[in-house]
Amino acid sequence: MNKFYMTENKTFVMNYNRIYPRNRESLLKSKTFRAFILYFIQEQKEYVELYNYLTVNQKYTDEQAAEAFTRFLRQLSIFELEELDSEYANDKNMLL
């Protein structure tokens, strides 16, 4: 199983074991990346504006938001922002 660790200075170390992503597409499709996004979303609960953006005003659970936001990031690697029909693309000021 792939694992990730957070060091004391909040730096992430990802351990892909045997499966190392060879390109952006394989990284964005990996379960480890989705787990990282889920962890990131869960850590934003004290930052209400960002958390609400990531969960689309809590329309999505953290897990659903991780799936949807990961899909949005994959789409951004292919399309221009203006081409996407995504709830995340609606608020351009909140994009990371």
Protein backbone atom coordinates (compact mmCIF):
# COMPACT_ATOMS: atom_id res chain seq x y z
CA MET A 1 0.00 0.00 0.00
CA ASN A 2 1.25 3.48 -0.82
CA LYS A 3 1.91 5.74 2.15
CA PHE A 4 2.59 9.37 2.79
CA TYR A 5 4.12 11.01 5.80
CA MET A 6 4.16 14.52 7.13
CA THR A 7 7.39 15.68 8.74
CA GLU A 8 7.62 18.10 11.66
CA ASN A 9 7.92 21.10 9.33
CA LYS A 10 4.73 20.02 7.48
CA THR A 11 6.64 18.71 4.45
CA PHE A 12 5.06 15.68 2.79
CA VAL A 13 7.08 12.64 1.87
CA MET A 14 5.28 10.25 -0.43
CA ASN A 15 6.37 6.64 -0.62
CA TYR A 16 5.14 4.98 -3.77
CA ASN A 17 6.96 1.68 -3.10
CA ARG A 18 6.96 -0.29 -6.35
CA ILE A 19 4.68 2.01 -8.32
CA TYR A 20 6.27 5.38 -8.94
CA PRO A 21 4.33 7.83 -11.12
CA ARG A 22 6.13 8.32 -14.40
CA ASN A 23 4.14 11.37 -15.47
CA ARG A 24 1.57 13.88 -14.25
CA GLU A 25 -1.34 11.79 -15.46
CA SER A 26 -0.36 8.71 -13.47
CA LEU A 27 0.30 10.86 -10.39
CA LEU A 28 -3.10 12.56 -10.61
CA LYS A 29 -4.85 9.20 -11.07
CA SER A 30 -3.07 7.51 -8.16
CA LYS A 31 -4.84 6.54 -4.96
CA THR A 32 -1.97 8.11 -3.02
CA PHE A 33 -2.58 11.51 -4.59
CA ARG A 34 -6.31 11.25 -3.85
CA ALA A 35 -5.43 10.36 -0.23
CA PHE A 36 -3.17 13.42 -0.09
CA ILE A 37 -5.98 15.64 -1.39
CA LEU A 38 -8.37 14.11 1.17
CA TYR A 39 -5.89 14.85 3.96
CA PHE A 40 -5.45 18.39 2.64
CA ILE A 41 -9.23 18.96 2.61
CA GLN A 42 -9.61 17.61 6.14
CA GLU A 43 -6.86 19.92 7.38
CA GLN A 44 -8.69 22.99 6.02
CA LYS A 45 -11.72 22.79 8.33
CA GLU A 46 -10.46 25.69 10.44
CA TYR A 47 -10.14 27.79 7.26
CA VAL A 48 -13.85 27.99 6.57
CA GLU A 49 -13.69 29.83 3.24
CA LEU A 50 -11.20 27.37 1.72
CA TYR A 51 -12.95 24.34 3.22
CA ASN A 52 -16.30 25.52 1.83
CA TYR A 53 -14.69 26.01 -1.58
CA LEU A 54 -13.21 22.51 -1.56
CA THR A 55 -16.45 20.88 -0.40
CA VAL A 56 -18.63 23.18 -2.56
CA ASN A 57 -20.23 24.74 0.51
CA GLN A 58 -20.31 21.33 2.19
CA LYS A 59 -22.39 19.84 -0.62
CA TYR A 60 -19.76 17.07 -0.74
CA THR A 61 -18.35 14.98 2.08
CA ASP A 62 -14.58 15.20 2.45
CA GLU A 63 -14.21 11.94 0.51
CA GLN A 64 -16.51 13.09 -2.29
CA ALA A 65 -14.72 16.43 -2.44
CA ALA A 66 -11.34 14.68 -2.71
CA GLU A 67 -12.64 12.65 -5.64
CA ALA A 68 -14.24 15.65 -7.36
CA PHE A 69 -11.30 18.01 -6.79
CA THR A 70 -8.80 15.38 -7.98
CA ARG A 71 -10.89 14.98 -11.15
CA PHE A 72 -10.89 18.77 -11.56
CA LEU A 73 -7.08 18.86 -11.25
CA ARG A 74 -6.79 16.10 -13.88
CA GLN A 75 -9.05 18.11 -16.20
CA LEU A 76 -6.95 21.24 -15.65
CA SER A 77 -3.89 19.36 -16.90
CA ILE A 78 -5.67 18.83 -20.22
CA PHE A 79 -8.07 21.73 -20.75
CA GLU A 80 -7.98 25.47 -20.30
CA LEU A 81 -9.93 26.68 -17.27
CA GLU A 82 -12.54 28.36 -19.46
CA GLU A 83 -13.29 25.01 -21.14
CA LEU A 84 -14.24 23.26 -17.92
CA ASP A 85 -17.76 22.86 -16.62
CA SER A 86 -16.93 22.37 -12.95
CA GLU A 87 -18.18 23.85 -9.71
CA TYR A 88 -14.54 24.47 -8.79
CA ALA A 89 -14.03 26.66 -11.87
CA ASN A 90 -16.92 28.97 -10.94
CA ASP A 91 -15.00 30.89 -8.29
CA LYS A 92 -11.75 31.81 -10.02
CA ASN A 93 -10.61 33.87 -7.01
CA MET A 94 -10.49 30.74 -4.85
CA LEU A 95 -8.42 28.64 -7.23
CA LEU A 96 -5.09 27.64 -5.71
